[in-house]
Protein backbone atom coordinates (compact mmCIF):
# COMPACT_ATOMS: atom_id res chain seq x y z
CA MET A 1 96.62 85.14 102.35
CA ARG A 2 96.42 86.37 98.78
CA PHE A 3 94.77 84.20 96.13
CA LEU A 4 97.72 84.78 93.78
CA SER A 5 97.76 81.79 91.51
CA LYS A 6 100.24 82.72 88.81
CA CYS A 7 102.89 84.15 91.14
CA THR A 8 105.63 84.26 88.55
CA PHE A 9 103.52 86.57 86.37
CA ALA A 10 102.62 88.82 89.28
CA VAL A 11 106.16 89.05 90.68
CA ILE A 12 107.90 89.60 87.35
CA PHE A 13 105.21 92.08 86.33
CA LEU A 14 105.62 94.06 89.54
CA LEU A 15 109.40 94.03 89.57
CA SER A 16 109.58 95.17 85.95
CA LEU A 17 107.69 98.29 87.01
CA ALA A 18 109.19 98.92 90.42
CA THR A 19 112.81 98.42 89.39
CA SER A 20 112.96 100.00 85.96
CA PRO A 21 114.07 103.57 85.27
CA ALA A 22 111.48 106.29 84.78
CA VAL A 23 112.36 109.32 82.70
CA SER A 24 110.57 112.68 82.37
CA GLN A 25 110.95 116.35 81.65
CA VAL A 26 108.61 118.04 84.15
CA GLN A 27 109.27 120.14 87.22
CA PRO A 28 109.75 119.18 90.91
CA SER A 29 106.65 118.40 92.94
CA THR A 30 105.00 121.01 95.12
CA THR A 31 102.44 118.62 96.63
CA ALA A 32 101.67 118.92 100.35
CA ALA A 33 103.30 115.55 101.11
CA ASN A 34 106.64 116.92 99.93
CA GLU A 35 106.52 120.40 101.47
CA ALA A 36 107.80 119.24 104.88
CA LEU A 37 111.42 118.32 105.61
CA HIS A 38 112.31 114.71 104.81
CA GLN A 39 114.67 113.21 107.39
CA GLY A 40 115.51 109.95 105.65
CA ILE A 41 115.31 106.29 106.59
CA MET A 42 117.53 106.74 109.65
CA GLY A 43 114.80 108.80 111.25
CA CYS A 44 112.72 105.60 111.40
CA TYR A 45 115.59 103.29 112.36
CA GLY A 46 116.27 101.76 115.77
CA SER A 47 115.20 98.63 117.67
CA THR A 48 112.47 100.58 119.44
CA CYS A 49 111.18 101.95 116.13
CA HIS A 50 110.87 100.11 112.80
CA SER A 51 114.11 98.14 112.41
CA ARG A 52 113.72 95.11 114.67
CA GLN A 53 114.94 91.82 113.22
CA GLU A 54 111.75 90.08 114.33
CA ALA A 55 108.13 91.19 114.26
CA THR A 56 107.74 91.42 118.04
CA GLY A 57 106.38 94.94 118.49
CA VAL A 58 103.18 95.51 120.44
CA VAL A 59 101.53 98.42 118.64
CA VAL A 60 103.23 97.83 115.28
CA ARG A 61 105.39 94.88 114.22
CA GLN A 62 108.51 97.11 114.22
CA ASN A 63 110.29 95.06 111.52
CA GLU A 64 109.04 97.24 108.67
CA ILE A 65 112.50 98.36 107.53
CA LEU A 66 113.67 94.74 107.39
CA SER A 67 110.77 94.03 105.05
CA TRP A 68 111.56 97.13 102.99
CA GLN A 69 115.20 95.98 102.68
CA ASP A 70 114.38 92.39 101.64
CA GLN A 71 116.38 91.83 98.45
CA THR A 72 114.66 88.51 97.74
CA SER A 73 111.05 89.68 97.84
CA THR A 74 108.73 92.08 96.09
CA THR A 75 108.54 93.96 99.40
CA GLY A 76 112.09 95.16 98.71
CA ALA A 77 111.22 96.66 95.33
CA HIS A 78 111.05 100.21 96.71
CA LEU A 79 114.62 99.95 98.04
CA ARG A 80 115.81 98.43 94.76
CA ALA A 81 114.21 101.26 92.79
CA TYR A 82 117.38 103.34 93.10
CA LYS A 83 119.80 100.45 92.72
CA ILE A 84 118.41 99.57 89.28
CA LEU A 85 119.62 102.99 88.09
CA LEU A 86 123.18 101.66 88.43
CA SER A 87 122.50 98.87 85.93
CA GLU A 88 123.71 98.60 82.36
CA ARG A 89 120.15 98.71 81.07
CA SER A 90 119.47 102.03 82.80
CA SER A 91 122.63 103.53 81.35
CA ALA A 92 121.63 102.36 77.90
CA ILE A 93 118.24 104.03 78.21
CA THR A 94 119.61 107.42 79.27
CA GLN A 95 122.32 107.25 76.59
CA ARG A 96 119.70 106.73 73.91
CA LEU A 97 117.84 109.75 75.26
CA ASN A 98 121.01 111.89 75.46
CA LEU A 99 120.62 112.27 79.21
CA GLY A 100 123.19 112.09 82.00
CA LYS A 101 123.96 109.23 84.37
CA PRO A 102 120.66 107.64 85.45
CA GLU A 103 121.61 107.75 89.14
CA GLU A 104 122.04 111.52 88.85
CA GLU A 105 119.37 112.33 86.29
CA PRO A 106 116.35 114.12 87.85
CA SER A 107 114.08 112.59 85.25
CA CYS A 108 115.01 109.14 86.59
CA LEU A 109 115.15 110.02 90.27
CA GLY A 110 111.56 111.28 90.21
CA CYS A 111 110.29 107.70 90.52
CA HIS A 112 113.38 105.83 91.66
CA SER A 113 114.04 107.85 94.80
CA ASP A 114 112.40 110.23 97.24
CA ASN A 115 113.56 113.11 95.07
CA VAL A 116 112.48 116.13 97.11
CA ALA A 117 114.12 119.51 96.68
CA GLU A 118 117.51 120.09 98.32
CA ASN A 119 116.06 122.48 100.90
CA LEU A 120 113.68 119.74 102.10
CA ARG A 121 116.42 117.17 102.79
CA GLY A 122 117.47 116.72 106.40
CA PRO A 123 121.08 115.91 107.47
CA LYS A 124 120.43 112.13 107.43
CA PHE A 125 118.55 112.09 104.14
CA GLN A 126 120.09 109.97 101.36
CA VAL A 127 118.73 109.96 97.83
CA ASP A 128 120.20 106.48 97.23
CA ASP A 129 117.76 105.02 99.78
CA GLY A 130 115.36 104.76 96.88
CA ILE A 131 111.66 104.93 97.71
CA GLY A 132 112.05 105.41 101.44
CA CYS A 133 109.43 105.80 104.15
CA GLU A 134 108.73 109.48 103.54
CA ALA A 135 108.24 109.04 99.79
CA CYS A 136 104.91 107.44 100.67
CA HIS A 137 104.19 108.59 104.24
CA GLY A 138 105.16 112.24 103.68
CA GLY A 139 107.91 114.42 105.14
CA SER A 140 108.22 113.50 108.82
CA VAL A 141 109.67 116.58 110.46
CA ASN A 142 106.33 117.61 112.02
CA TRP A 143 105.00 114.19 113.03
CA LEU A 144 108.00 111.89 113.60
CA THR A 145 108.27 112.50 117.36
CA GLN A 146 104.54 112.93 117.88
CA HIS A 147 103.59 109.65 116.24
CA TYR A 148 105.22 107.47 118.94
CA ASP A 149 104.23 109.59 121.95
CA VAL A 150 102.06 107.97 124.61
CA GLY A 151 98.48 108.63 123.64
CA ALA A 152 99.36 109.62 120.08
CA SER A 153 96.46 109.34 117.65
CA HIS A 154 96.43 108.66 113.95
CA THR A 155 94.13 111.63 113.42
CA LYS A 156 96.66 113.95 115.07
CA ASN A 157 99.52 112.49 113.03
CA VAL A 158 97.60 113.04 109.80
CA SER A 159 96.91 116.64 110.82
CA LEU A 160 100.69 117.11 111.17
CA GLY A 161 101.41 115.83 107.65
CA LEU A 162 101.40 112.02 107.81
CA THR A 163 99.80 110.67 104.63
CA PRO A 164 96.72 108.54 105.49
CA LEU A 165 97.65 105.53 103.38
CA GLU A 166 94.92 103.41 104.95
CA ASP A 167 92.52 105.49 102.86
CA ALA A 168 92.32 103.90 99.41
CA GLY A 169 92.00 107.22 97.62
CA SER A 170 95.05 108.74 99.32
CA ARG A 171 97.03 105.56 98.74
CA ALA A 172 96.10 105.49 95.07
CA ASP A 173 97.16 109.11 94.61
CA VAL A 174 100.59 108.35 96.10
CA CYS A 175 101.14 105.08 94.23
CA LEU A 176 99.91 106.35 90.87
CA SER A 177 102.47 109.15 90.87
CA CYS A 178 105.12 106.59 89.93
CA HIS A 179 103.13 103.58 88.81
CA LEU A 180 101.17 105.55 86.22
CA GLY A 181 102.55 109.09 86.24
CA SER A 182 101.99 112.65 87.39
CA ALA A 183 102.58 116.16 86.12
CA ASP A 184 104.97 116.77 89.04
CA ASN A 185 108.40 115.70 90.20
CA ASN A 186 109.69 114.20 86.95
CA GLN A 187 107.17 111.39 87.05
CA PHE A 188 105.89 110.99 83.50
CA VAL A 189 107.10 108.20 81.22
CA THR A 190 106.74 109.07 77.55
CA HIS A 191 106.53 106.96 74.41
CA ARG A 192 110.10 108.01 73.53
CA MET A 193 111.31 106.64 76.85
CA MET A 194 109.54 103.37 76.27
CA ALA A 195 111.15 103.20 72.82
CA ALA A 196 114.51 103.68 74.53
CA GLY A 197 113.88 100.63 76.72
CA HIS A 198 111.63 101.69 79.60
CA PRO A 199 108.98 99.06 80.37
CA ARG A 200 105.28 99.59 79.80
CA ILE A 201 103.43 101.20 82.72
CA SER A 202 100.48 99.46 84.34
CA PHE A 203 98.92 99.41 87.81
CA GLU A 204 96.35 97.68 90.02
CA LEU A 205 96.11 99.14 93.52
CA ASP A 206 95.11 96.15 95.64
CA LEU A 207 97.53 93.71 94.01
CA PHE A 208 100.42 96.17 94.21
CA THR A 209 99.52 96.96 97.83
CA SER A 210 99.82 93.28 98.70
CA LEU A 211 103.05 92.62 96.82
CA GLN A 212 104.85 95.72 98.09
CA SER A 213 103.46 95.78 101.62
CA HIS A 214 106.10 96.64 104.22
CA HIS A 215 103.98 95.77 107.23
CA ASP A 216 101.30 93.42 108.53
CA GLU A 217 97.87 94.72 109.52
CA ASP A 218 97.35 93.21 112.97
CA VAL A 219 94.42 93.58 115.36
CA ASP A 220 95.29 96.95 116.87
CA TYR A 221 95.98 98.37 113.40
CA PHE A 222 92.29 97.81 112.67
CA GLU A 223 91.44 99.50 115.96
CA ARG A 224 93.48 102.59 115.19
CA LYS A 225 92.56 102.95 111.53
CA VAL A 226 89.61 102.29 109.26
CA VAL A 227 90.81 99.49 107.00
CA GLN A 228 88.90 99.22 103.75
CA PRO A 229 88.05 95.91 102.07
CA GLY A 230 90.14 94.79 99.13
CA VAL A 231 87.27 95.07 96.65
CA ARG A 232 86.83 98.73 97.54
CA ILE A 233 90.57 99.31 97.22
CA TRP A 234 90.52 97.64 93.79
CA ALA A 235 87.52 99.68 92.59
CA ILE A 236 88.89 103.00 93.86
CA GLY A 237 92.24 102.15 92.29
CA GLN A 238 90.54 101.63 88.93
CA ALA A 239 88.64 104.91 89.22
CA LYS A 240 91.70 106.87 90.34
CA ALA A 241 93.83 105.39 87.54
CA MET A 242 91.21 106.32 84.97
CA LYS A 243 90.94 109.86 86.34
CA ARG A 244 94.72 110.30 86.49
CA ASN A 245 95.20 109.05 82.94
CA LEU A 246 92.51 111.38 81.61
CA ALA A 247 93.86 114.36 83.58
CA LEU A 248 97.37 113.79 82.23
CA PHE A 249 95.94 113.39 78.74
CA GLN A 250 94.35 116.84 79.07
CA THR A 251 97.64 118.45 80.21
CA PRO A 252 98.95 120.51 77.27
CA THR A 253 102.62 119.98 78.18
CA LEU A 254 102.18 116.20 78.27
CA ASN A 255 99.69 115.23 75.59
CA ARG A 256 101.78 116.10 72.53
CA ASP A 257 105.13 114.94 71.22
CA GLY A 258 105.94 117.17 68.30
CA VAL A 259 103.40 116.67 65.51
CA PHE A 260 102.13 113.46 67.12
CA PRO A 261 99.92 112.90 70.13
CA GLU A 262 101.78 111.50 73.16
CA LEU A 263 101.40 107.83 72.30
CA VAL A 264 102.03 106.56 75.84
CA PHE A 265 98.32 107.20 76.53
CA PHE A 266 97.32 104.71 73.88
CA ASP A 267 97.14 100.94 73.71
CA CYS A 268 100.60 99.71 72.69
CA LEU A 269 99.45 96.39 71.30
CA ALA A 270 96.69 98.02 69.24
CA CYS A 271 99.42 99.46 67.00
CA HIS A 272 102.42 97.18 67.47
CA ARG A 273 101.20 94.43 65.17
CA GLU A 274 102.80 92.41 62.45
CA ILE A 275 103.21 94.09 59.05
CA SER A 276 103.80 92.08 55.88
CA ASP A 277 104.14 92.63 52.12
CA ASP A 278 102.85 89.14 51.41
CA PRO A 279 99.75 89.53 49.17
CA ASP A 280 98.10 86.62 51.00
CA TRP A 281 98.68 88.14 54.45
CA ARG A 282 95.72 89.50 56.41
CA PRO A 283 96.06 91.55 59.60
CA GLU A 284 94.70 89.88 62.73
CA VAL A 285 92.33 92.59 63.89
CA ARG A 286 89.20 91.81 65.89
CA SER A 287 86.22 94.10 66.25
CA ASN A 288 85.79 95.67 69.66
CA PRO A 289 82.25 96.83 70.54
CA GLY A 290 83.66 99.41 72.93
CA ARG A 291 85.96 100.92 70.31
CA PRO A 292 84.09 101.67 67.09
CA GLU A 293 87.15 102.97 65.23
CA ALA A 294 88.51 101.84 61.89
CA PRO A 295 91.81 99.91 61.72
CA GLY A 296 94.86 102.17 61.93
CA VAL A 297 93.34 104.62 64.40
CA VAL A 298 95.30 104.70 67.68
CA LYS A 299 93.24 103.34 70.57
CA PHE A 300 93.28 105.01 73.97
CA ASN A 301 94.24 102.65 76.81
CA ASP A 302 90.78 102.00 78.21
CA ALA A 303 91.59 99.06 80.53
CA ASN A 304 90.60 100.94 83.70
CA MET A 305 87.46 102.24 82.01
CA ILE A 306 86.35 98.68 81.24
CA MET A 307 86.96 97.50 84.81
CA LEU A 308 85.13 100.53 86.16
CA LEU A 309 82.21 99.77 83.85
CA ALA A 310 82.03 96.25 85.30
CA THR A 311 81.86 97.77 88.79
CA ALA A 312 79.17 100.26 87.81
CA LYS A 313 76.97 97.57 86.27
CA GLN A 314 76.82 95.83 89.63
CA ILE A 315 76.75 98.62 92.24
CA ALA A 316 75.56 101.68 90.26
CA PRO A 317 73.26 100.48 87.45
CA ASP A 318 71.98 104.03 86.94
CA LEU A 319 75.53 105.24 86.13
CA ALA A 320 76.61 102.26 84.01
CA PRO A 321 74.76 103.13 80.75
CA LYS A 322 76.09 106.69 80.77
CA LEU A 323 79.62 105.49 81.55
CA ASP A 324 79.42 102.98 78.69
CA ALA A 325 78.12 105.63 76.29
CA GLU A 326 80.78 108.17 77.30
CA ILE A 327 83.60 105.64 76.89
CA LYS A 328 82.43 104.98 73.34
CA ALA A 329 82.01 108.72 72.72
CA PHE A 330 85.57 109.32 73.95
CA HIS A 331 86.98 106.76 71.52
CA ALA A 332 84.90 108.28 68.71
CA SER A 333 86.13 111.78 69.54
CA LEU A 334 89.77 110.66 69.33
CA ALA A 335 89.03 109.19 65.91
CA GLY A 336 87.83 112.60 64.74
CA GLY A 337 84.10 112.18 65.09
CA GLY A 338 81.43 113.41 67.46
CA ARG A 339 82.13 115.63 70.47
CA ASP A 340 85.34 117.34 71.54
CA ALA A 341 87.74 114.88 73.22
CA SER A 342 88.46 117.26 76.11
CA GLU A 343 84.74 117.64 76.85
CA VAL A 344 84.15 113.88 76.90
CA SER A 345 87.30 113.34 78.95
CA GLN A 346 86.07 115.73 81.62
CA SER A 347 82.68 114.03 81.60
CA LEU A 348 84.37 110.67 82.18
CA GLU A 349 86.36 112.12 85.07
CA GLY A 350 83.12 113.31 86.63
CA LEU A 351 81.53 109.87 86.22
CA ALA A 352 84.57 108.27 87.87
CA GLU A 353 84.17 110.67 90.81
CA ASP A 354 80.46 109.86 91.07
CA LEU A 355 81.20 106.14 91.04
CA MET A 356 83.88 106.50 93.74
CA LYS A 357 81.24 107.99 96.03
CA VAL A 358 79.09 104.90 95.49
CA VAL A 359 82.11 102.65 96.06
CA THR A 360 82.87 104.26 99.44
CA GLU A 361 79.29 103.61 100.54
CA THR A 362 79.17 100.00 99.34
CA ASP A 363 79.90 97.13 101.74
CA PHE A 364 80.72 94.70 98.89
CA SER A 365 78.84 91.67 100.05
CA LYS A 366 79.54 88.24 98.64
CA ASN A 367 76.80 88.69 96.05
CA GLN A 368 78.01 92.14 95.00
CA THR A 369 81.60 91.00 94.52
CA LEU A 370 80.48 87.91 92.63
CA GLY A 371 78.35 90.19 90.49
CA ILE A 372 81.37 92.32 89.54
CA LEU A 373 83.38 89.18 88.76
CA GLU A 374 80.62 87.80 86.59
CA VAL A 375 80.50 91.03 84.56
CA VAL A 376 84.30 90.96 84.12
CA VAL A 377 84.09 87.47 82.61
CA GLU A 378 80.77 87.76 80.73
CA ASP A 379 80.62 87.68 76.93
CA ALA A 380 79.64 91.33 76.60
CA LEU A 381 82.85 92.47 78.27
CA THR A 382 85.30 89.77 77.14
CA ARG A 383 84.72 90.88 73.55
CA ARG A 384 86.39 94.15 74.59
CA TYR A 385 89.59 92.34 75.56
CA THR A 386 90.90 92.53 72.01
CA ASP A 387 94.13 94.06 73.23
CA TYR A 388 96.54 93.13 75.96
CA VAL A 389 96.04 95.91 78.51
CA ALA A 390 92.37 95.15 79.17
CA ALA A 391 93.02 91.41 79.32
CA GLU A 392 95.79 91.99 81.84
CA GLN A 393 93.48 94.04 84.09
CA ALA A 394 90.72 91.45 83.74
CA ILE A 395 92.71 88.50 85.08
CA MET A 396 94.23 90.64 87.84
CA ALA A 397 90.67 91.66 88.77
CA VAL A 398 89.57 88.02 89.00
CA ASP A 399 92.58 87.22 91.18
CA THR A 400 92.23 90.30 93.38
CA LEU A 401 88.49 90.06 93.97
CA LEU A 402 88.59 86.35 94.78
CA SER A 403 91.44 87.07 97.19
CA SER A 404 89.34 89.74 98.87
CA MET A 405 86.40 87.38 99.25
CA VAL A 406 88.63 84.75 100.87
CA ALA A 407 90.14 87.39 103.20
CA ALA A 408 86.65 88.58 104.17
CA ASN A 409 85.55 85.00 104.90
CA GLN A 410 82.83 85.31 102.26
CA VAL A 411 84.12 82.15 100.60
CA SER A 412 86.66 79.59 101.68
CA PHE A 413 89.92 78.94 99.92
CA ALA A 414 88.66 75.41 99.25
CA GLN A 415 85.65 76.84 97.40
CA THR A 416 87.91 78.77 95.05
CA SER A 417 90.52 76.06 94.57
CA GLY A 418 88.56 74.58 91.68
CA MET A 419 89.27 77.77 89.71
CA ARG A 420 93.03 77.40 90.01
CA ASN A 421 93.59 75.64 86.71
CA GLU A 422 91.61 78.14 84.64
CA ILE A 423 93.16 81.13 86.40
CA ASN A 424 96.59 79.75 85.53
CA LYS A 425 95.51 79.34 81.89
CA ALA A 426 94.26 82.93 81.86
CA TYR A 427 97.58 84.16 83.29
CA ASP A 428 99.43 82.13 80.67
CA ALA A 429 97.40 83.88 77.96
CA VAL A 430 98.65 87.31 79.13
CA GLU A 431 102.13 86.31 80.30
CA SER A 432 103.77 88.03 77.34
CA PRO A 433 102.33 91.16 75.67
CA ASN A 434 103.81 90.03 72.35
CA GLU A 435 102.14 86.61 72.57
CA TYR A 436 98.75 87.56 73.97
CA ASP A 437 96.22 84.81 73.18
CA GLN A 438 92.69 86.19 73.37
CA ASP A 439 91.13 82.84 72.50
CA GLN A 440 92.91 81.13 75.40
CA LEU A 441 91.91 83.94 77.75
CA THR A 442 88.24 83.95 76.78
CA THR A 443 88.05 80.14 76.95
CA ALA A 444 89.47 80.23 80.49
CA LEU A 445 87.12 83.06 81.49
CA LYS A 446 84.14 81.12 80.13
CA VAL A 447 84.95 78.20 82.45
CA LEU A 448 85.51 80.63 85.34
CA ARG A 449 82.08 82.09 84.64
CA GLY A 450 80.53 78.70 85.37
CA ARG A 451 82.55 78.37 88.58
CA LEU A 452 81.43 81.81 89.72
CA GLN A 453 77.81 80.91 89.05
CA GLU A 454 78.26 77.87 91.29
CA LEU A 455 79.52 80.17 94.06
CA ARG A 456 76.56 82.46 93.47
CA SER A 457 74.12 79.57 93.84
CA ASN A 458 75.72 78.76 97.20
CA ALA A 459 75.68 82.40 98.38
CA GLY A 460 74.05 82.93 101.72
């Protein structure tokens, strides 16, 4: 059971991303997952396959399509991804951008459907199925029959083109293509699109995995596949998101918008502040030790960098100082000082790769996870939560990592129940980007710090 405490925030946050139109101007994907024929949802249908009305299957539950179709739950968000294109809001967005109908516009379908090329669509394929099975699991023409044969193995299925989503890195690569962006398949949301009404993009792999899960991981699932702990999924998700954002930022066709940089890479709330002609008015700007820029300089969205730094401080103390220094150097380079931004960006990508190797080799004991949580809520890091995006990632990290500890039987739900009130206060502080209350967040995190120290003292 997830330790989601502010469910309304989590659900609304997820649905705003999974059911809102994405718009882009890049070319169709040529990734390996989309090079095989896609046969559509009906290829997975049937009472002996994945469309039972009850979860009574032996090897798998076999009700996965029912979960995917659930209109009342976050698990149905992938199906609803196409349907939202038929809404008035979607039409308004494409009209403002001088595009065609959203349900026909490739720059919307890139994230709101399994928008593979026409020659890769089988006779039962339907684009209006939204994010169907093959959008995540890969084109099924080579593995569909094989994967339910007697004696079929997951390794064999993967060799035939099935995407190994149990692997956190592979899962992150698939999810990030829509939930952050890619240079392929019309999957990049720009600042102009956000100005036209598209919601802000954000992502946290373990939380999104839980909310959009279409299946249960039962005993034999663990026997067939290596299932990674939630803390590792969270940490790899942070590293992958940081790498993806930096890679996109270095892409010449994506990082400029006319004479301006592509502002979608930057922290929205660092610029969208109140402006006044009142001579007695003073801007509410707080110093951020991780961003040594003067007011008025656009700030790169460093939320994933901050969370990755918290991870490094606990499990890779030799990498943490360099990561911290390179994050600051990157901000300085964007402000026009120090080293070249591309050079520092590539260095940060390399550090993220190095840290992922450590993450994959870390068991994430109770003490290690508590250590990461304590860094996330300590004074040195909370002073970096001057803007909304980092604060949002911080409270999701607290929620996710505590959930993982409960799931791993490292702590009991009763032991974490005393944190419920402060977690709710922290969620309230970030419930609205336009009303972010850093004081309320840091006060709640300070109390949580004490609760975490109590857990640490009881660690076995």
